[in-house]
N, C-alpha and C. Protein backbone atom coordinates (compact mmCIF):
# COMPACT_ATOMS: atom_id res chain seq x y z
N MET A 1 -7.53 -2.68 14.94
CA MET A 1 -6.38 -1.79 15.07
C MET A 1 -6.02 -1.60 16.54
N GLU A 2 -7.06 -1.45 17.35
CA GLU A 2 -6.81 -1.23 18.78
C GLU A 2 -6.15 -2.45 19.42
N GLY A 3 -6.59 -3.65 19.02
CA GLY A 3 -6.01 -4.87 19.58
C GLY A 3 -4.54 -5.00 19.22
N ALA A 4 -4.19 -4.71 17.97
CA ALA A 4 -2.78 -4.78 17.56
C ALA A 4 -1.96 -3.74 18.32
N ASP A 5 -2.54 -2.56 18.52
CA ASP A 5 -1.82 -1.52 19.26
C ASP A 5 -1.60 -1.93 20.72
N LEU A 6 -2.61 -2.58 21.32
CA LEU A 6 -2.46 -3.04 22.70
C LEU A 6 -1.36 -4.10 22.80
N LEU A 7 -1.33 -5.02 21.84
CA LEU A 7 -0.27 -6.02 21.83
C LEU A 7 1.09 -5.38 21.65
N GLN A 8 1.18 -4.39 20.74
CA GLN A 8 2.45 -3.70 20.48
C GLN A 8 2.95 -3.01 21.76
N ASP A 9 2.01 -2.49 22.55
CA ASP A 9 2.38 -1.83 23.80
C ASP A 9 2.65 -2.82 24.92
N GLU A 10 2.58 -4.12 24.62
CA GLU A 10 2.85 -5.20 25.56
C GLU A 10 1.98 -5.13 26.81
N VAL A 11 0.69 -4.77 26.60
CA VAL A 11 -0.25 -4.69 27.70
C VAL A 11 -0.47 -6.06 28.34
N VAL A 12 -0.42 -7.12 27.53
CA VAL A 12 -0.66 -8.47 28.05
C VAL A 12 0.62 -9.21 28.41
N GLY A 13 1.73 -8.54 28.28
CA GLY A 13 3.01 -9.17 28.62
C GLY A 13 4.07 -8.90 27.57
N GLU A 14 5.28 -9.28 27.93
CA GLU A 14 6.43 -9.04 27.05
C GLU A 14 6.36 -9.95 25.82
N LEU A 15 6.73 -9.37 24.66
CA LEU A 15 6.70 -10.11 23.40
C LEU A 15 8.12 -10.32 22.89
N ASN A 16 8.30 -11.42 22.16
CA ASN A 16 9.61 -11.65 21.56
C ASN A 16 9.67 -10.95 20.19
N ALA A 17 10.81 -11.02 19.54
CA ALA A 17 11.03 -10.32 18.27
C ALA A 17 10.09 -10.80 17.17
N GLU A 18 9.86 -12.11 17.12
CA GLU A 18 8.95 -12.66 16.09
C GLU A 18 7.52 -12.17 16.30
N GLN A 19 7.11 -12.09 17.55
CA GLN A 19 5.76 -11.60 17.84
C GLN A 19 5.62 -10.13 17.47
N HIS A 20 6.69 -9.35 17.71
CA HIS A 20 6.66 -7.94 17.30
C HIS A 20 6.54 -7.83 15.79
N LYS A 21 7.22 -8.69 15.06
CA LYS A 21 7.16 -8.68 13.59
C LYS A 21 5.75 -9.00 13.12
N ILE A 22 5.10 -9.97 13.77
CA ILE A 22 3.72 -10.32 13.42
C ILE A 22 2.78 -9.15 13.69
N ILE A 23 3.00 -8.47 14.79
CA ILE A 23 2.17 -7.31 15.11
C ILE A 23 2.36 -6.22 14.06
N GLU A 24 3.60 -6.02 13.62
CA GLU A 24 3.85 -5.04 12.56
C GLU A 24 3.09 -5.42 11.30
N LEU A 25 3.07 -6.70 10.98
CA LEU A 25 2.33 -7.16 9.80
C LEU A 25 0.83 -6.92 9.98
N LEU A 26 0.32 -7.16 11.20
CA LEU A 26 -1.09 -6.88 11.48
C LEU A 26 -1.40 -5.40 11.31
N GLN A 27 -0.52 -4.56 11.80
CA GLN A 27 -0.73 -3.13 11.69
C GLN A 27 -0.70 -2.68 10.23
N ILE A 28 0.20 -3.25 9.44
CA ILE A 28 0.27 -2.93 8.02
C ILE A 28 -1.00 -3.41 7.33
N ALA A 29 -1.45 -4.62 7.68
CA ALA A 29 -2.68 -5.14 7.09
C ALA A 29 -3.87 -4.25 7.45
N ASN A 30 -3.88 -3.75 8.68
CA ASN A 30 -4.94 -2.83 9.09
C ASN A 30 -4.91 -1.56 8.27
N ILE A 31 -3.72 -1.03 8.06
CA ILE A 31 -3.58 0.19 7.25
C ILE A 31 -4.04 -0.08 5.83
N ARG A 32 -3.63 -1.24 5.29
CA ARG A 32 -4.00 -1.61 3.93
C ARG A 32 -5.51 -1.78 3.81
N LEU A 33 -6.14 -2.43 4.80
CA LEU A 33 -7.58 -2.61 4.80
C LEU A 33 -8.29 -1.27 4.88
N ASN A 34 -7.79 -0.39 5.72
CA ASN A 34 -8.36 0.94 5.83
C ASN A 34 -8.25 1.68 4.49
N SER A 35 -7.12 1.52 3.83
CA SER A 35 -6.91 2.14 2.52
C SER A 35 -7.90 1.59 1.50
N LEU A 36 -8.11 0.28 1.53
CA LEU A 36 -9.08 -0.33 0.60
C LEU A 36 -10.49 0.19 0.86
N ILE A 37 -10.84 0.34 2.12
CA ILE A 37 -12.16 0.87 2.47
C ILE A 37 -12.29 2.30 1.95
N GLU A 38 -11.24 3.10 2.15
CA GLU A 38 -11.26 4.46 1.64
C GLU A 38 -11.37 4.48 0.12
N ASN A 39 -10.69 3.54 -0.55
CA ASN A 39 -10.77 3.43 -1.99
C ASN A 39 -12.20 3.11 -2.44
N LEU A 40 -12.86 2.20 -1.71
CA LEU A 40 -14.23 1.86 -2.05
C LEU A 40 -15.16 3.06 -1.87
N ILE A 41 -14.94 3.81 -0.81
CA ILE A 41 -15.74 5.02 -0.59
C ILE A 41 -15.50 6.02 -1.70
N GLU A 42 -14.23 6.19 -2.07
CA GLU A 42 -13.88 7.11 -3.16
C GLU A 42 -14.51 6.64 -4.48
N TYR A 43 -14.47 5.34 -4.73
CA TYR A 43 -15.08 4.80 -5.94
C TYR A 43 -16.58 5.06 -5.94
N GLN A 44 -17.22 4.85 -4.80
CA GLN A 44 -18.65 5.09 -4.70
C GLN A 44 -18.97 6.55 -4.99
N LYS A 45 -18.18 7.45 -4.46
CA LYS A 45 -18.37 8.88 -4.72
C LYS A 45 -18.22 9.18 -6.21
N ALA A 46 -17.21 8.56 -6.82
CA ALA A 46 -16.93 8.82 -8.24
C ALA A 46 -18.07 8.32 -9.12
N THR A 47 -18.69 7.23 -8.74
CA THR A 47 -19.75 6.68 -9.57
C THR A 47 -21.10 7.31 -9.30
N SER A 48 -21.24 7.97 -8.15
CA SER A 48 -22.55 8.55 -7.82
C SER A 48 -22.63 10.04 -8.11
N THR A 49 -21.53 10.72 -8.17
CA THR A 49 -21.54 12.16 -8.44
C THR A 49 -20.36 12.52 -9.32
N LEU A 50 -20.44 13.66 -9.92
CA LEU A 50 -19.30 14.15 -10.69
C LEU A 50 -18.29 14.77 -9.74
N LEU A 51 -17.10 14.23 -9.75
CA LEU A 51 -16.04 14.75 -8.89
C LEU A 51 -15.18 15.71 -9.69
N THR A 52 -14.69 16.69 -9.01
CA THR A 52 -13.73 17.57 -9.68
C THR A 52 -12.37 16.91 -9.61
N MET A 53 -11.65 17.07 -10.67
CA MET A 53 -10.30 16.52 -10.73
C MET A 53 -9.34 17.58 -10.21
N ASN A 54 -8.40 17.17 -9.39
CA ASN A 54 -7.40 18.08 -8.86
C ASN A 54 -6.09 17.81 -9.60
N TYR A 55 -5.97 18.41 -10.77
CA TYR A 55 -4.80 18.19 -11.61
C TYR A 55 -3.57 18.85 -11.01
N SER A 56 -2.47 18.14 -11.11
CA SER A 56 -1.19 18.70 -10.71
C SER A 56 -0.11 17.99 -11.50
N SER A 57 1.06 18.57 -11.51
CA SER A 57 2.19 17.96 -12.18
C SER A 57 3.02 17.22 -11.13
N PHE A 58 3.36 15.97 -11.43
CA PHE A 58 4.16 15.18 -10.50
C PHE A 58 4.95 14.15 -11.29
N ASN A 59 5.94 13.58 -10.62
CA ASN A 59 6.76 12.57 -11.26
C ASN A 59 6.16 11.20 -10.95
N LEU A 60 5.73 10.51 -11.99
CA LEU A 60 5.08 9.21 -11.82
C LEU A 60 6.03 8.19 -11.20
N ASN A 61 7.31 8.25 -11.58
CA ASN A 61 8.32 7.35 -11.04
C ASN A 61 8.41 7.48 -9.51
N GLN A 62 8.41 8.71 -9.02
CA GLN A 62 8.48 8.92 -7.57
C GLN A 62 7.23 8.40 -6.87
N LEU A 63 6.08 8.56 -7.49
CA LEU A 63 4.84 8.05 -6.91
C LEU A 63 4.89 6.53 -6.79
N ILE A 64 5.36 5.87 -7.84
CA ILE A 64 5.47 4.40 -7.81
C ILE A 64 6.46 3.97 -6.74
N GLN A 65 7.58 4.66 -6.61
CA GLN A 65 8.57 4.32 -5.58
C GLN A 65 7.97 4.47 -4.18
N GLN A 66 7.15 5.52 -3.97
CA GLN A 66 6.51 5.71 -2.66
C GLN A 66 5.56 4.55 -2.35
N ILE A 67 4.82 4.12 -3.35
CA ILE A 67 3.88 3.02 -3.15
C ILE A 67 4.65 1.73 -2.83
N CYS A 68 5.74 1.49 -3.53
CA CYS A 68 6.58 0.32 -3.24
C CYS A 68 7.07 0.35 -1.80
N THR A 69 7.47 1.52 -1.33
CA THR A 69 7.94 1.68 0.04
C THR A 69 6.82 1.40 1.04
N ASP A 70 5.59 1.83 0.71
CA ASP A 70 4.45 1.58 1.59
C ASP A 70 4.21 0.09 1.81
N TYR A 71 4.52 -0.71 0.82
CA TYR A 71 4.26 -2.14 0.88
C TYR A 71 5.49 -2.95 1.27
N GLN A 72 6.58 -2.31 1.67
CA GLN A 72 7.85 -3.01 1.87
C GLN A 72 7.77 -4.15 2.89
N LEU A 73 7.11 -3.94 4.02
CA LEU A 73 7.02 -5.01 5.02
C LEU A 73 6.24 -6.21 4.50
N LEU A 74 5.19 -5.95 3.74
CA LEU A 74 4.44 -7.07 3.15
C LEU A 74 5.28 -7.78 2.10
N LEU A 75 6.04 -7.02 1.33
CA LEU A 75 6.95 -7.63 0.35
C LEU A 75 7.97 -8.51 1.05
N ASP A 76 8.54 -7.99 2.13
CA ASP A 76 9.53 -8.75 2.90
C ASP A 76 8.91 -10.03 3.48
N SER A 77 7.69 -9.93 3.97
CA SER A 77 7.07 -11.10 4.60
C SER A 77 6.82 -12.22 3.59
N LYS A 78 6.57 -11.87 2.33
CA LYS A 78 6.38 -12.89 1.29
C LYS A 78 7.65 -13.12 0.47
N GLN A 79 8.72 -12.45 0.87
CA GLN A 79 10.01 -12.52 0.18
C GLN A 79 9.85 -12.27 -1.32
N ILE A 80 9.10 -11.22 -1.62
CA ILE A 80 8.87 -10.83 -3.01
C ILE A 80 9.79 -9.67 -3.35
N ASN A 81 10.46 -9.77 -4.47
CA ASN A 81 11.33 -8.70 -4.95
C ASN A 81 10.60 -7.87 -6.00
N ILE A 82 11.08 -6.64 -6.15
CA ILE A 82 10.53 -5.75 -7.16
C ILE A 82 11.62 -5.46 -8.17
N GLU A 83 11.27 -5.60 -9.42
CA GLU A 83 12.15 -5.21 -10.51
C GLU A 83 11.53 -3.94 -11.10
N PHE A 84 12.21 -2.83 -10.92
CA PHE A 84 11.64 -1.53 -11.28
C PHE A 84 12.57 -0.84 -12.26
N GLU A 85 12.15 -0.77 -13.51
CA GLU A 85 12.91 -0.05 -14.51
C GLU A 85 12.42 1.39 -14.50
N ALA A 86 13.15 2.21 -13.78
CA ALA A 86 12.73 3.59 -13.55
C ALA A 86 12.96 4.46 -14.78
N LYS A 87 11.88 5.01 -15.27
CA LYS A 87 11.94 6.02 -16.32
C LYS A 87 11.27 7.25 -15.73
N SER A 88 11.97 8.34 -15.78
CA SER A 88 11.43 9.57 -15.21
C SER A 88 10.32 10.09 -16.11
N ILE A 89 9.11 10.07 -15.58
CA ILE A 89 7.95 10.53 -16.34
C ILE A 89 7.25 11.62 -15.55
N ASP A 90 7.26 12.83 -16.09
CA ASP A 90 6.49 13.91 -15.49
C ASP A 90 5.06 13.79 -16.00
N PHE A 91 4.13 13.87 -15.11
CA PHE A 91 2.75 13.51 -15.39
C PHE A 91 1.84 14.62 -14.91
N VAL A 92 0.77 14.90 -15.63
CA VAL A 92 -0.24 15.85 -15.18
C VAL A 92 -1.54 15.06 -15.05
N ALA A 93 -2.00 14.93 -13.83
CA ALA A 93 -3.23 14.18 -13.54
C ALA A 93 -3.63 14.47 -12.10
N ASP A 94 -4.69 13.85 -11.67
CA ASP A 94 -5.08 13.92 -10.26
C ASP A 94 -4.20 12.92 -9.51
N ARG A 95 -3.22 13.43 -8.76
CA ARG A 95 -2.22 12.58 -8.11
C ARG A 95 -2.86 11.58 -7.16
N ASP A 96 -3.84 12.02 -6.38
CA ASP A 96 -4.48 11.12 -5.41
C ASP A 96 -5.20 9.97 -6.11
N LYS A 97 -5.85 10.27 -7.21
CA LYS A 97 -6.56 9.21 -7.94
C LYS A 97 -5.56 8.27 -8.61
N MET A 98 -4.47 8.79 -9.12
CA MET A 98 -3.43 7.94 -9.70
C MET A 98 -2.82 7.05 -8.63
N ARG A 99 -2.66 7.59 -7.43
CA ARG A 99 -2.11 6.79 -6.33
C ARG A 99 -3.04 5.62 -6.01
N ILE A 100 -4.33 5.86 -6.01
CA ILE A 100 -5.31 4.81 -5.75
C ILE A 100 -5.22 3.73 -6.83
N ILE A 101 -5.16 4.15 -8.08
CA ILE A 101 -5.10 3.20 -9.20
C ILE A 101 -3.84 2.35 -9.11
N ILE A 102 -2.70 3.00 -8.95
CA ILE A 102 -1.42 2.26 -8.92
C ILE A 102 -1.34 1.39 -7.67
N SER A 103 -1.81 1.89 -6.55
CA SER A 103 -1.80 1.12 -5.32
C SER A 103 -2.67 -0.14 -5.46
N ASN A 104 -3.82 -0.01 -6.10
CA ASN A 104 -4.68 -1.18 -6.32
C ASN A 104 -3.99 -2.21 -7.22
N LEU A 105 -3.33 -1.74 -8.28
CA LEU A 105 -2.60 -2.65 -9.17
C LEU A 105 -1.47 -3.35 -8.41
N PHE A 106 -0.75 -2.58 -7.60
CA PHE A 106 0.35 -3.13 -6.83
C PHE A 106 -0.15 -4.14 -5.80
N SER A 107 -1.25 -3.80 -5.14
CA SER A 107 -1.84 -4.68 -4.14
C SER A 107 -2.25 -6.01 -4.78
N ASN A 108 -2.83 -5.95 -5.97
CA ASN A 108 -3.21 -7.18 -6.67
C ASN A 108 -1.98 -7.99 -7.06
N ALA A 109 -0.95 -7.32 -7.54
CA ALA A 109 0.28 -8.03 -7.90
C ALA A 109 0.86 -8.73 -6.68
N LEU A 110 0.86 -8.05 -5.55
CA LEU A 110 1.38 -8.63 -4.31
C LEU A 110 0.52 -9.81 -3.86
N LYS A 111 -0.77 -9.64 -3.94
CA LYS A 111 -1.70 -10.68 -3.49
C LYS A 111 -1.55 -11.96 -4.31
N PHE A 112 -1.34 -11.83 -5.61
CA PHE A 112 -1.31 -13.00 -6.48
C PHE A 112 0.10 -13.47 -6.83
N SER A 113 1.11 -12.87 -6.23
CA SER A 113 2.49 -13.33 -6.45
C SER A 113 2.79 -14.45 -5.46
N PRO A 114 3.49 -15.47 -5.92
CA PRO A 114 3.86 -16.55 -5.01
C PRO A 114 4.95 -16.11 -4.04
N HIS A 115 5.06 -16.84 -2.96
CA HIS A 115 6.14 -16.59 -1.99
C HIS A 115 7.48 -16.67 -2.73
N GLY A 116 8.32 -15.66 -2.56
CA GLY A 116 9.62 -15.62 -3.23
C GLY A 116 9.52 -15.15 -4.67
N GLY A 117 8.39 -14.58 -5.06
CA GLY A 117 8.18 -14.16 -6.43
C GLY A 117 8.82 -12.83 -6.79
N LEU A 118 8.46 -12.33 -7.95
CA LEU A 118 9.02 -11.10 -8.49
C LEU A 118 7.90 -10.28 -9.09
N ILE A 119 7.86 -9.01 -8.76
CA ILE A 119 6.92 -8.07 -9.38
C ILE A 119 7.75 -7.14 -10.27
N SER A 120 7.42 -7.14 -11.54
CA SER A 120 8.14 -6.28 -12.50
C SER A 120 7.29 -5.05 -12.80
N ILE A 121 7.93 -3.89 -12.68
CA ILE A 121 7.25 -2.64 -12.99
C ILE A 121 7.99 -1.99 -14.13
């Protein structure tokens, strides 16, 4: 993360637009990797102890849209489109845990989609 930040700050010299785009992708990949590590830690906690669930009411459609937005640069880099048939669903669950589940599903869909592919939700 520090190396990408140093490059972004042009510590080693001026960068062109394509290089800036690559650095953005590196930074997104770093964020995604950090998220996966946090997910693994959360999974380990869930399997080793009883966790309390933090139930709340939220709109599942909005959560999915937020996750899609989080991955937008990676989607753009692979030229993957999203087909999202939005149905407004009010949901009562642990929002953070649902975010982890949906984010993992989305990450897998992105990982295994071909360049120029389509992810249908």
